[in-house]
Amino acid sequence: ASTVLLPYRFSDEVNKVLVFTEDEQ
């Protein structure tokens, strides 16, 4: 499986992304 950033977006939908960090900044 792979993820690719297309040169031209075709949908306003965005994926939900979780970020792991313990730094408040």
mmCIF file of all heavy atoms, coordinates in Angstrom:
data_MODEL
# 
_entry.id   MODEL 
# 
loop_
_atom_site.group_PDB 
_atom_site.id 
_atom_site.type_symbol 
_atom_site.label_atom_id 
_atom_site.label_alt_id 
_atom_site.label_comp_id 
_atom_site.label_asym_id 
_atom_site.label_entity_id 
_atom_site.label_seq_id 
_atom_site.pdbx_PDB_ins_code 
_atom_site.Cartn_x 
_atom_site.Cartn_y 
_atom_site.Cartn_z 
_atom_site.occupancy 
_atom_site.B_iso_or_equiv 
_atom_site.pdbx_formal_charge 
_atom_site.auth_seq_id 
_atom_site.auth_comp_id 
_atom_site.auth_asym_id 
_atom_site.auth_atom_id 
_atom_site.pdbx_PDB_model_num 
ATOM 1   N N   . ALA A 1 1  ? 0.864   -1.178 0.000   1.00 0.00 ? 1  ALA A N   1 
ATOM 2   C CA  . ALA A 1 1  ? 0.000   0.000  0.000   1.00 0.00 ? 1  ALA A CA  1 
ATOM 3   C C   . ALA A 1 1  ? 0.894   1.219  0.000   1.00 0.00 ? 1  ALA A C   1 
ATOM 4   O O   . ALA A 1 1  ? 2.021   1.184  0.491   1.00 0.00 ? 1  ALA A O   1 
ATOM 5   C CB  . ALA A 1 1  ? -0.917  0.001  1.220   1.00 0.00 ? 1  ALA A CB  1 
ATOM 6   N N   . SER A 1 2  ? 0.404   2.304  -0.553  1.00 0.00 ? 2  SER A N   1 
ATOM 7   C CA  . SER A 1 2  ? 1.211   3.515  -0.614  1.00 0.00 ? 2  SER A CA  1 
ATOM 8   C C   . SER A 1 2  ? 0.298   4.739  -0.597  1.00 0.00 ? 2  SER A C   1 
ATOM 9   O O   . SER A 1 2  ? -0.906  4.640  -0.867  1.00 0.00 ? 2  SER A O   1 
ATOM 10  C CB  . SER A 1 2  ? 2.074   3.524  -1.883  1.00 0.00 ? 2  SER A CB  1 
ATOM 11  O OG  . SER A 1 2  ? 2.901   4.679  -1.936  1.00 0.00 ? 2  SER A OG  1 
ATOM 12  N N   . THR A 1 3  ? 0.888   5.864  -0.272  1.00 0.00 ? 3  THR A N   1 
ATOM 13  C CA  . THR A 1 3  ? 0.181   7.144  -0.292  1.00 0.00 ? 3  THR A CA  1 
ATOM 14  C C   . THR A 1 3  ? 0.956   8.093  -1.185  1.00 0.00 ? 3  THR A C   1 
ATOM 15  O O   . THR A 1 3  ? 2.186   8.173  -1.097  1.00 0.00 ? 3  THR A O   1 
ATOM 16  C CB  . THR A 1 3  ? 0.064   7.735  1.127   1.00 0.00 ? 3  THR A CB  1 
ATOM 17  O OG1 . THR A 1 3  ? -0.594  6.794  1.977   1.00 0.00 ? 3  THR A OG1 1 
ATOM 18  C CG2 . THR A 1 3  ? -0.730  9.035  1.109   1.00 0.00 ? 3  THR A CG2 1 
ATOM 19  N N   . VAL A 1 4  ? 0.259   8.786  -2.057  1.00 0.00 ? 4  VAL A N   1 
ATOM 20  C CA  . VAL A 1 4  ? 0.906   9.688  -2.995  1.00 0.00 ? 4  VAL A CA  1 
ATOM 21  C C   . VAL A 1 4  ? 0.174   11.023 -3.002  1.00 0.00 ? 4  VAL A C   1 
ATOM 22  O O   . VAL A 1 4  ? -1.057  11.076 -2.893  1.00 0.00 ? 4  VAL A O   1 
ATOM 23  C CB  . VAL A 1 4  ? 0.938   9.065  -4.417  1.00 0.00 ? 4  VAL A CB  1 
ATOM 24  C CG1 . VAL A 1 4  ? -0.465  8.804  -4.938  1.00 0.00 ? 4  VAL A CG1 1 
ATOM 25  C CG2 . VAL A 1 4  ? 1.725   9.925  -5.381  1.00 0.00 ? 4  VAL A CG2 1 
ATOM 26  N N   . LEU A 1 5  ? 0.932   12.095 -3.095  1.00 0.00 ? 5  LEU A N   1 
ATOM 27  C CA  . LEU A 1 5  ? 0.360   13.444 -3.161  1.00 0.00 ? 5  LEU A CA  1 
ATOM 28  C C   . LEU A 1 5  ? 0.215   13.815 -4.632  1.00 0.00 ? 5  LEU A C   1 
ATOM 29  O O   . LEU A 1 5  ? 1.206   13.946 -5.348  1.00 0.00 ? 5  LEU A O   1 
ATOM 30  C CB  . LEU A 1 5  ? 1.267   14.438 -2.437  1.00 0.00 ? 5  LEU A CB  1 
ATOM 31  C CG  . LEU A 1 5  ? 0.647   15.781 -2.028  1.00 0.00 ? 5  LEU A CG  1 
ATOM 32  C CD1 . LEU A 1 5  ? -0.534  15.582 -1.088  1.00 0.00 ? 5  LEU A CD1 1 
ATOM 33  C CD2 . LEU A 1 5  ? 1.691   16.675 -1.375  1.00 0.00 ? 5  LEU A CD2 1 
ATOM 34  N N   . LEU A 1 6  ? -1.009  13.956 -5.095  1.00 0.00 ? 6  LEU A N   1 
ATOM 35  C CA  . LEU A 1 6  ? -1.263  14.234 -6.509  1.00 0.00 ? 6  LEU A CA  1 
ATOM 36  C C   . LEU A 1 6  ? -1.016  15.700 -6.830  1.00 0.00 ? 6  LEU A C   1 
ATOM 37  O O   . LEU A 1 6  ? -1.236  16.578 -5.982  1.00 0.00 ? 6  LEU A O   1 
ATOM 38  C CB  . LEU A 1 6  ? -2.711  13.878 -6.862  1.00 0.00 ? 6  LEU A CB  1 
ATOM 39  C CG  . LEU A 1 6  ? -3.106  12.406 -6.667  1.00 0.00 ? 6  LEU A CG  1 
ATOM 40  C CD1 . LEU A 1 6  ? -4.585  12.214 -6.977  1.00 0.00 ? 6  LEU A CD1 1 
ATOM 41  C CD2 . LEU A 1 6  ? -2.258  11.507 -7.546  1.00 0.00 ? 6  LEU A CD2 1 
ATOM 42  N N   . PRO A 1 7  ? -0.601  16.003 -8.057  1.00 0.00 ? 7  PRO A N   1 
ATOM 43  C CA  . PRO A 1 7  ? -0.371  17.405 -8.429  1.00 0.00 ? 7  PRO A CA  1 
ATOM 44  C C   . PRO A 1 7  ? -1.658  18.232 -8.478  1.00 0.00 ? 7  PRO A C   1 
ATOM 45  O O   . PRO A 1 7  ? -1.626  19.446 -8.287  1.00 0.00 ? 7  PRO A O   1 
ATOM 46  C CB  . PRO A 1 7  ? 0.277   17.307 -9.817  1.00 0.00 ? 7  PRO A CB  1 
ATOM 47  C CG  . PRO A 1 7  ? -0.090  15.957 -10.333 1.00 0.00 ? 7  PRO A CG  1 
ATOM 48  C CD  . PRO A 1 7  ? -0.204  15.075 -9.126  1.00 0.00 ? 7  PRO A CD  1 
ATOM 49  N N   . TYR A 1 8  ? -2.798  17.566 -8.720  1.00 0.00 ? 8  TYR A N   1 
ATOM 50  C CA  . TYR A 1 8  ? -4.075  18.276 -8.816  1.00 0.00 ? 8  TYR A CA  1 
ATOM 51  C C   . TYR A 1 8  ? -5.117  17.584 -7.939  1.00 0.00 ? 8  TYR A C   1 
ATOM 52  O O   . TYR A 1 8  ? -5.494  16.442 -8.203  1.00 0.00 ? 8  TYR A O   1 
ATOM 53  C CB  . TYR A 1 8  ? -4.562  18.336 -10.264 1.00 0.00 ? 8  TYR A CB  1 
ATOM 54  C CG  . TYR A 1 8  ? -3.595  19.046 -11.182 1.00 0.00 ? 8  TYR A CG  1 
ATOM 55  C CD1 . TYR A 1 8  ? -2.729  18.317 -11.992 1.00 0.00 ? 8  TYR A CD1 1 
ATOM 56  C CD2 . TYR A 1 8  ? -3.511  20.438 -11.203 1.00 0.00 ? 8  TYR A CD2 1 
ATOM 57  C CE1 . TYR A 1 8  ? -1.816  18.965 -12.821 1.00 0.00 ? 8  TYR A CE1 1 
ATOM 58  C CE2 . TYR A 1 8  ? -2.607  21.092 -12.022 1.00 0.00 ? 8  TYR A CE2 1 
ATOM 59  C CZ  . TYR A 1 8  ? -1.763  20.349 -12.828 1.00 0.00 ? 8  TYR A CZ  1 
ATOM 60  O OH  . TYR A 1 8  ? -0.855  20.994 -13.640 1.00 0.00 ? 8  TYR A OH  1 
ATOM 61  N N   . ARG A 1 9  ? -5.569  18.269 -6.911  1.00 0.00 ? 9  ARG A N   1 
ATOM 62  C CA  . ARG A 1 9  ? -6.572  17.698 -6.013  1.00 0.00 ? 9  ARG A CA  1 
ATOM 63  C C   . ARG A 1 9  ? -7.915  17.630 -6.732  1.00 0.00 ? 9  ARG A C   1 
ATOM 64  O O   . ARG A 1 9  ? -8.255  18.487 -7.539  1.00 0.00 ? 9  ARG A O   1 
ATOM 65  C CB  . ARG A 1 9  ? -6.706  18.539 -4.746  1.00 0.00 ? 9  ARG A CB  1 
ATOM 66  C CG  . ARG A 1 9  ? -5.451  18.546 -3.880  1.00 0.00 ? 9  ARG A CG  1 
ATOM 67  C CD  . ARG A 1 9  ? -5.795  18.952 -2.465  1.00 0.00 ? 9  ARG A CD  1 
ATOM 68  N NE  . ARG A 1 9  ? -6.649  17.952 -1.834  1.00 0.00 ? 9  ARG A NE  1 
ATOM 69  C CZ  . ARG A 1 9  ? -7.431  18.226 -0.780  1.00 0.00 ? 9  ARG A CZ  1 
ATOM 70  N NH1 . ARG A 1 9  ? -7.484  19.451 -0.275  1.00 0.00 ? 9  ARG A NH1 1 
ATOM 71  N NH2 . ARG A 1 9  ? -8.163  17.262 -0.252  1.00 0.00 ? 9  ARG A NH2 1 
ATOM 72  N N   . PHE A 1 10 ? -8.699  16.596 -6.415  1.00 0.00 ? 10 PHE A N   1 
ATOM 73  C CA  . PHE A 1 10 ? -9.990  16.435 -7.062  1.00 0.00 ? 10 PHE A CA  1 
ATOM 74  C C   . PHE A 1 10 ? -11.130 16.284 -6.063  1.00 0.00 ? 10 PHE A C   1 
ATOM 75  O O   . PHE A 1 10 ? -12.269 16.023 -6.439  1.00 0.00 ? 10 PHE A O   1 
ATOM 76  C CB  . PHE A 1 10 ? -9.971  15.230 -8.007  1.00 0.00 ? 10 PHE A CB  1 
ATOM 77  C CG  . PHE A 1 10 ? -9.675  13.913 -7.354  1.00 0.00 ? 10 PHE A CG  1 
ATOM 78  C CD1 . PHE A 1 10 ? -10.688 13.141 -6.802  1.00 0.00 ? 10 PHE A CD1 1 
ATOM 79  C CD2 . PHE A 1 10 ? -8.376  13.436 -7.283  1.00 0.00 ? 10 PHE A CD2 1 
ATOM 80  C CE1 . PHE A 1 10 ? -10.419 11.932 -6.194  1.00 0.00 ? 10 PHE A CE1 1 
ATOM 81  C CE2 . PHE A 1 10 ? -8.092  12.213 -6.691  1.00 0.00 ? 10 PHE A CE2 1 
ATOM 82  C CZ  . PHE A 1 10 ? -9.119  11.456 -6.143  1.00 0.00 ? 10 PHE A CZ  1 
ATOM 83  N N   . SER A 1 11 ? -10.829 16.448 -4.776  1.00 0.00 ? 11 SER A N   1 
ATOM 84  C CA  . SER A 1 11 ? -11.854 16.318 -3.751  1.00 0.00 ? 11 SER A CA  1 
ATOM 85  C C   . SER A 1 11 ? -11.521 17.241 -2.589  1.00 0.00 ? 11 SER A C   1 
ATOM 86  O O   . SER A 1 11 ? -10.343 17.492 -2.292  1.00 0.00 ? 11 SER A O   1 
ATOM 87  C CB  . SER A 1 11 ? -11.944 14.868 -3.269  1.00 0.00 ? 11 SER A CB  1 
ATOM 88  O OG  . SER A 1 11 ? -12.822 14.759 -2.171  1.00 0.00 ? 11 SER A OG  1 
ATOM 89  N N   . ASP A 1 12 ? -12.559 17.750 -1.944  1.00 0.00 ? 12 ASP A N   1 
ATOM 90  C CA  . ASP A 1 12 ? -12.364 18.586 -0.754  1.00 0.00 ? 12 ASP A CA  1 
ATOM 91  C C   . ASP A 1 12 ? -12.199 17.740 0.501   1.00 0.00 ? 12 ASP A C   1 
ATOM 92  O O   . ASP A 1 12 ? -11.913 18.275 1.574   1.00 0.00 ? 12 ASP A O   1 
ATOM 93  C CB  . ASP A 1 12 ? -13.560 19.531 -0.585  1.00 0.00 ? 12 ASP A CB  1 
ATOM 94  C CG  . ASP A 1 12 ? -13.637 20.566 -1.704  1.00 0.00 ? 12 ASP A CG  1 
ATOM 95  O OD1 . ASP A 1 12 ? -12.574 20.934 -2.233  1.00 0.00 ? 12 ASP A OD1 1 
ATOM 96  O OD2 . ASP A 1 12 ? -14.759 20.989 -2.042  1.00 0.00 ? 12 ASP A OD2 1 
ATOM 97  N N   . GLU A 1 13 ? -12.376 16.440 0.371   1.00 0.00 ? 13 GLU A N   1 
ATOM 98  C CA  . GLU A 1 13 ? -12.226 15.555 1.516   1.00 0.00 ? 13 GLU A CA  1 
ATOM 99  C C   . GLU A 1 13 ? -10.762 15.520 1.971   1.00 0.00 ? 13 GLU A C   1 
ATOM 100 O O   . GLU A 1 13 ? -9.847  15.555 1.157   1.00 0.00 ? 13 GLU A O   1 
ATOM 101 C CB  . GLU A 1 13 ? -12.660 14.134 1.152   1.00 0.00 ? 13 GLU A CB  1 
ATOM 102 C CG  . GLU A 1 13 ? -14.109 14.006 0.725   1.00 0.00 ? 13 GLU A CG  1 
ATOM 103 C CD  . GLU A 1 13 ? -14.435 12.612 0.236   1.00 0.00 ? 13 GLU A CD  1 
ATOM 104 O OE1 . GLU A 1 13 ? -13.552 11.716 0.344   1.00 0.00 ? 13 GLU A OE1 1 
ATOM 105 O OE2 . GLU A 1 13 ? -15.548 12.405 -0.253  1.00 0.00 ? 13 GLU A OE2 1 
ATOM 106 N N   . VAL A 1 14 ? -10.564 15.458 3.272   1.00 0.00 ? 14 VAL A N   1 
ATOM 107 C CA  . VAL A 1 14 ? -9.213  15.302 3.816   1.00 0.00 ? 14 VAL A CA  1 
ATOM 108 C C   . VAL A 1 14 ? -9.206  14.102 4.751   1.00 0.00 ? 14 VAL A C   1 
ATOM 109 O O   . VAL A 1 14 ? -10.221 13.764 5.372   1.00 0.00 ? 14 VAL A O   1 
ATOM 110 C CB  . VAL A 1 14 ? -8.728  16.565 4.566   1.00 0.00 ? 14 VAL A CB  1 
ATOM 111 C CG1 . VAL A 1 14 ? -8.524  17.719 3.604   1.00 0.00 ? 14 VAL A CG1 1 
ATOM 112 C CG2 . VAL A 1 14 ? -9.699  16.945 5.677   1.00 0.00 ? 14 VAL A CG2 1 
ATOM 113 N N   . ASN A 1 15 ? -8.057  13.447 4.840   1.00 0.00 ? 15 ASN A N   1 
ATOM 114 C CA  . ASN A 1 15 ? -7.904  12.304 5.729   1.00 0.00 ? 15 ASN A CA  1 
ATOM 115 C C   . ASN A 1 15 ? -7.695  12.770 7.171   1.00 0.00 ? 15 ASN A C   1 
ATOM 116 O O   . ASN A 1 15 ? -7.149  13.850 7.414   1.00 0.00 ? 15 ASN A O   1 
ATOM 117 C CB  . ASN A 1 15 ? -6.700  11.464 5.291   1.00 0.00 ? 15 ASN A CB  1 
ATOM 118 C CG  . ASN A 1 15 ? -6.838  10.954 3.875   1.00 0.00 ? 15 ASN A CG  1 
ATOM 119 O OD1 . ASN A 1 15 ? -7.870  10.393 3.507   1.00 0.00 ? 15 ASN A OD1 1 
ATOM 120 N ND2 . ASN A 1 15 ? -5.808  11.139 3.070   1.00 0.00 ? 15 ASN A ND2 1 
ATOM 121 N N   . LYS A 1 16 ? -8.111  11.939 8.112   1.00 0.00 ? 16 LYS A N   1 
ATOM 122 C CA  . LYS A 1 16 ? -7.902  12.233 9.529   1.00 0.00 ? 16 LYS A CA  1 
ATOM 123 C C   . LYS A 1 16 ? -6.530  11.710 9.942   1.00 0.00 ? 16 LYS A C   1 
ATOM 124 O O   . LYS A 1 16 ? -6.221  10.539 9.750   1.00 0.00 ? 16 LYS A O   1 
ATOM 125 C CB  . LYS A 1 16 ? -9.003  11.574 10.364  1.00 0.00 ? 16 LYS A CB  1 
ATOM 126 C CG  . LYS A 1 16 ? -10.391 12.138 10.108  1.00 0.00 ? 16 LYS A CG  1 
ATOM 127 C CD  . LYS A 1 16 ? -11.454 11.320 10.812  1.00 0.00 ? 16 LYS A CD  1 
ATOM 128 C CE  . LYS A 1 16 ? -11.305 11.369 12.314  1.00 0.00 ? 16 LYS A CE  1 
ATOM 129 N NZ  . LYS A 1 16 ? -12.425 10.642 12.998  1.00 0.00 ? 16 LYS A NZ  1 
ATOM 130 N N   . VAL A 1 17 ? -5.712  12.595 10.499  1.00 0.00 ? 17 VAL A N   1 
ATOM 131 C CA  . VAL A 1 17 ? -4.339  12.235 10.864  1.00 0.00 ? 17 VAL A CA  1 
ATOM 132 C C   . VAL A 1 17 ? -4.106  12.475 12.352  1.00 0.00 ? 17 VAL A C   1 
ATOM 133 O O   . VAL A 1 17 ? -4.453  13.531 12.882  1.00 0.00 ? 17 VAL A O   1 
ATOM 134 C CB  . VAL A 1 17 ? -3.310  13.055 10.043  1.00 0.00 ? 17 VAL A CB  1 
ATOM 135 C CG1 . VAL A 1 17 ? -1.896  12.588 10.356  1.00 0.00 ? 17 VAL A CG1 1 
ATOM 136 C CG2 . VAL A 1 17 ? -3.598  12.949 8.554   1.00 0.00 ? 17 VAL A CG2 1 
ATOM 137 N N   . LEU A 1 18 ? -3.507  11.487 13.004  1.00 0.00 ? 18 LEU A N   1 
ATOM 138 C CA  . LEU A 1 18 ? -3.129  11.609 14.414  1.00 0.00 ? 18 LEU A CA  1 
ATOM 139 C C   . LEU A 1 18 ? -1.632  11.883 14.502  1.00 0.00 ? 18 LEU A C   1 
ATOM 140 O O   . LEU A 1 18 ? -0.833  11.264 13.785  1.00 0.00 ? 18 LEU A O   1 
ATOM 141 C CB  . LEU A 1 18 ? -3.481  10.321 15.160  1.00 0.00 ? 18 LEU A CB  1 
ATOM 142 C CG  . LEU A 1 18 ? -3.173  10.247 16.650  1.00 0.00 ? 18 LEU A CG  1 
ATOM 143 C CD1 . LEU A 1 18 ? -4.174  9.317  17.360  1.00 0.00 ? 18 LEU A CD1 1 
ATOM 144 C CD2 . LEU A 1 18 ? -1.749  9.750  16.930  1.00 0.00 ? 18 LEU A CD2 1 
ATOM 145 N N   . VAL A 1 19 ? -1.254  12.801 15.378  1.00 0.00 ? 19 VAL A N   1 
ATOM 146 C CA  . VAL A 1 19 ? 0.156   13.152 15.570  1.00 0.00 ? 19 VAL A CA  1 
ATOM 147 C C   . VAL A 1 19 ? 0.595   12.761 16.979  1.00 0.00 ? 19 VAL A C   1 
ATOM 148 O O   . VAL A 1 19 ? -0.003  13.190 17.965  1.00 0.00 ? 19 VAL A O   1 
ATOM 149 C CB  . VAL A 1 19 ? 0.396   14.661 15.352  1.00 0.00 ? 19 VAL A CB  1 
ATOM 150 C CG1 . VAL A 1 19 ? 1.859   15.013 15.635  1.00 0.00 ? 19 VAL A CG1 1 
ATOM 151 C CG2 . VAL A 1 19 ? 0.019   15.071 13.933  1.00 0.00 ? 19 VAL A CG2 1 
ATOM 152 N N   . PHE A 1 20 ? 1.637   11.937 17.052  1.00 0.00 ? 20 PHE A N   1 
ATOM 153 C CA  . PHE A 1 20 ? 2.225   11.558 18.338  1.00 0.00 ? 20 PHE A CA  1 
ATOM 154 C C   . PHE A 1 20 ? 3.365   12.522 18.674  1.00 0.00 ? 20 PHE A C   1 
ATOM 155 O O   . PHE A 1 20 ? 4.364   12.601 17.950  1.00 0.00 ? 20 PHE A O   1 
ATOM 156 C CB  . PHE A 1 20 ? 2.800   10.140 18.284  1.00 0.00 ? 20 PHE A CB  1 
ATOM 157 C CG  . PHE A 1 20 ? 1.773   9.046  18.265  1.00 0.00 ? 20 PHE A CG  1 
ATOM 158 C CD1 . PHE A 1 20 ? 1.592   8.286  17.126  1.00 0.00 ? 20 PHE A CD1 1 
ATOM 159 C CD2 . PHE A 1 20 ? 1.003   8.773  19.396  1.00 0.00 ? 20 PHE A CD2 1 
ATOM 160 C CE1 . PHE A 1 20 ? 0.660   7.254  17.107  1.00 0.00 ? 20 PHE A CE1 1 
ATOM 161 C CE2 . PHE A 1 20 ? 0.072   7.747  19.385  1.00 0.00 ? 20 PHE A CE2 1 
ATOM 162 C CZ  . PHE A 1 20 ? -0.100  6.982  18.237  1.00 0.00 ? 20 PHE A CZ  1 
ATOM 163 N N   . THR A 1 21 ? 3.229   13.237 19.783  1.00 0.00 ? 21 THR A N   1 
ATOM 164 C CA  . THR A 1 21 ? 4.307   14.076 20.294  1.00 0.00 ? 21 THR A CA  1 
ATOM 165 C C   . THR A 1 21 ? 4.007   14.405 21.754  1.00 0.00 ? 21 THR A C   1 
ATOM 166 O O   . THR A 1 21 ? 2.844   14.478 22.161  1.00 0.00 ? 21 THR A O   1 
ATOM 167 C CB  . THR A 1 21 ? 4.466   15.380 19.496  1.00 0.00 ? 21 THR A CB  1 
ATOM 168 O OG1 . THR A 1 21 ? 5.539   16.152 20.074  1.00 0.00 ? 21 THR A OG1 1 
ATOM 169 C CG2 . THR A 1 21 ? 3.201   16.217 19.508  1.00 0.00 ? 21 THR A CG2 1 
ATOM 170 N N   . GLU A 1 22 ? 5.062   14.569 22.533  1.00 0.00 ? 22 GLU A N   1 
ATOM 171 C CA  . GLU A 1 22 ? 4.897   14.974 23.932  1.00 0.00 ? 22 GLU A CA  1 
ATOM 172 C C   . GLU A 1 22 ? 5.415   16.394 24.155  1.00 0.00 ? 22 GLU A C   1 
ATOM 173 O O   . GLU A 1 22 ? 5.419   16.874 25.288  1.00 0.00 ? 22 GLU A O   1 
ATOM 174 C CB  . GLU A 1 22 ? 5.638   13.985 24.851  1.00 0.00 ? 22 GLU A CB  1 
ATOM 175 C CG  . GLU A 1 22 ? 5.017   12.597 24.849  1.00 0.00 ? 22 GLU A CG  1 
ATOM 176 C CD  . GLU A 1 22 ? 5.684   11.629 25.794  1.00 0.00 ? 22 GLU A CD  1 
ATOM 177 O OE1 . GLU A 1 22 ? 6.928   11.550 25.782  1.00 0.00 ? 22 GLU A OE1 1 
ATOM 178 O OE2 . GLU A 1 22 ? 4.957   10.963 26.548  1.00 0.00 ? 22 GLU A OE2 1 
ATOM 179 N N   . ASP A 1 23 ? 5.798   17.039 23.073  1.00 0.00 ? 23 ASP A N   1 
ATOM 180 C CA  . ASP A 1 23 ? 6.270   18.420 23.149  1.00 0.00 ? 23 ASP A CA  1 
ATOM 181 C C   . ASP A 1 23 ? 5.083   19.349 22.894  1.00 0.00 ? 23 ASP A C   1 
ATOM 182 O O   . ASP A 1 23 ? 4.445   19.277 21.846  1.00 0.00 ? 23 ASP A O   1 
ATOM 183 C CB  . ASP A 1 23 ? 7.366   18.649 22.110  1.00 0.00 ? 23 ASP A CB  1 
ATOM 184 C CG  . ASP A 1 23 ? 7.946   20.050 22.174  1.00 0.00 ? 23 ASP A CG  1 
ATOM 185 O OD1 . ASP A 1 23 ? 7.315   20.963 21.613  1.00 0.00 ? 23 ASP A OD1 1 
ATOM 186 O OD2 . ASP A 1 23 ? 9.008   20.230 22.777  1.00 0.00 ? 23 ASP A OD2 1 
ATOM 187 N N   . GLU A 1 24 ? 4.796   20.241 23.828  1.00 0.00 ? 24 GLU A N   1 
ATOM 188 C CA  . GLU A 1 24 ? 3.608   21.087 23.710  1.00 0.00 ? 24 GLU A CA  1 
ATOM 189 C C   . GLU A 1 24 ? 3.692   22.049 22.528  1.00 0.00 ? 24 GLU A C   1 
ATOM 190 O O   . GLU A 1 24 ? 2.682   22.341 21.873  1.00 0.00 ? 24 GLU A O   1 
ATOM 191 C CB  . GLU A 1 24 ? 3.401   21.886 25.003  1.00 0.00 ? 24 GLU A CB  1 
ATOM 192 C CG  . GLU A 1 24 ? 2.099   22.683 25.034  1.00 0.00 ? 24 GLU A CG  1 
ATOM 193 C CD  . GLU A 1 24 ? 0.872   21.836 24.692  1.00 0.00 ? 24 GLU A CD  1 
ATOM 194 O OE1 . GLU A 1 24 ? 0.776   20.697 25.184  1.00 0.00 ? 24 GLU A OE1 1 
ATOM 195 O OE2 . GLU A 1 24 ? 0.029   22.326 23.912  1.00 0.00 ? 24 GLU A OE2 1 
ATOM 196 N N   . GLN A 1 25 ? 4.891   22.534 22.234  1.00 0.00 ? 25 GLN A N   1 
ATOM 197 C CA  . GLN A 1 25 ? 5.051   23.431 21.087  1.00 0.00 ? 25 GLN A CA  1 
ATOM 198 C C   . GLN A 1 25 ? 4.762   22.677 19.781  1.00 0.00 ? 25 GLN A C   1 
ATOM 199 O O   . GLN A 1 25 ? 4.077   23.187 18.891  1.00 0.00 ? 25 GLN A O   1 
ATOM 200 C CB  . GLN A 1 25 ? 6.463   24.008 21.059  1.00 0.00 ? 25 GLN A CB  1 
ATOM 201 C CG  . GLN A 1 25 ? 6.663   25.053 19.959  1.00 0.00 ? 25 GLN A CG  1 
ATOM 202 C CD  . GLN A 1 25 ? 8.046   25.694 20.030  1.00 0.00 ? 25 GLN A CD  1 
ATOM 203 O OE1 . GLN A 1 25 ? 8.849   25.382 20.909  1.00 0.00 ? 25 GLN A OE1 1 
ATOM 204 N NE2 . GLN A 1 25 ? 8.317   26.600 19.106  1.00 0.00 ? 25 GLN A NE2 1 
# 
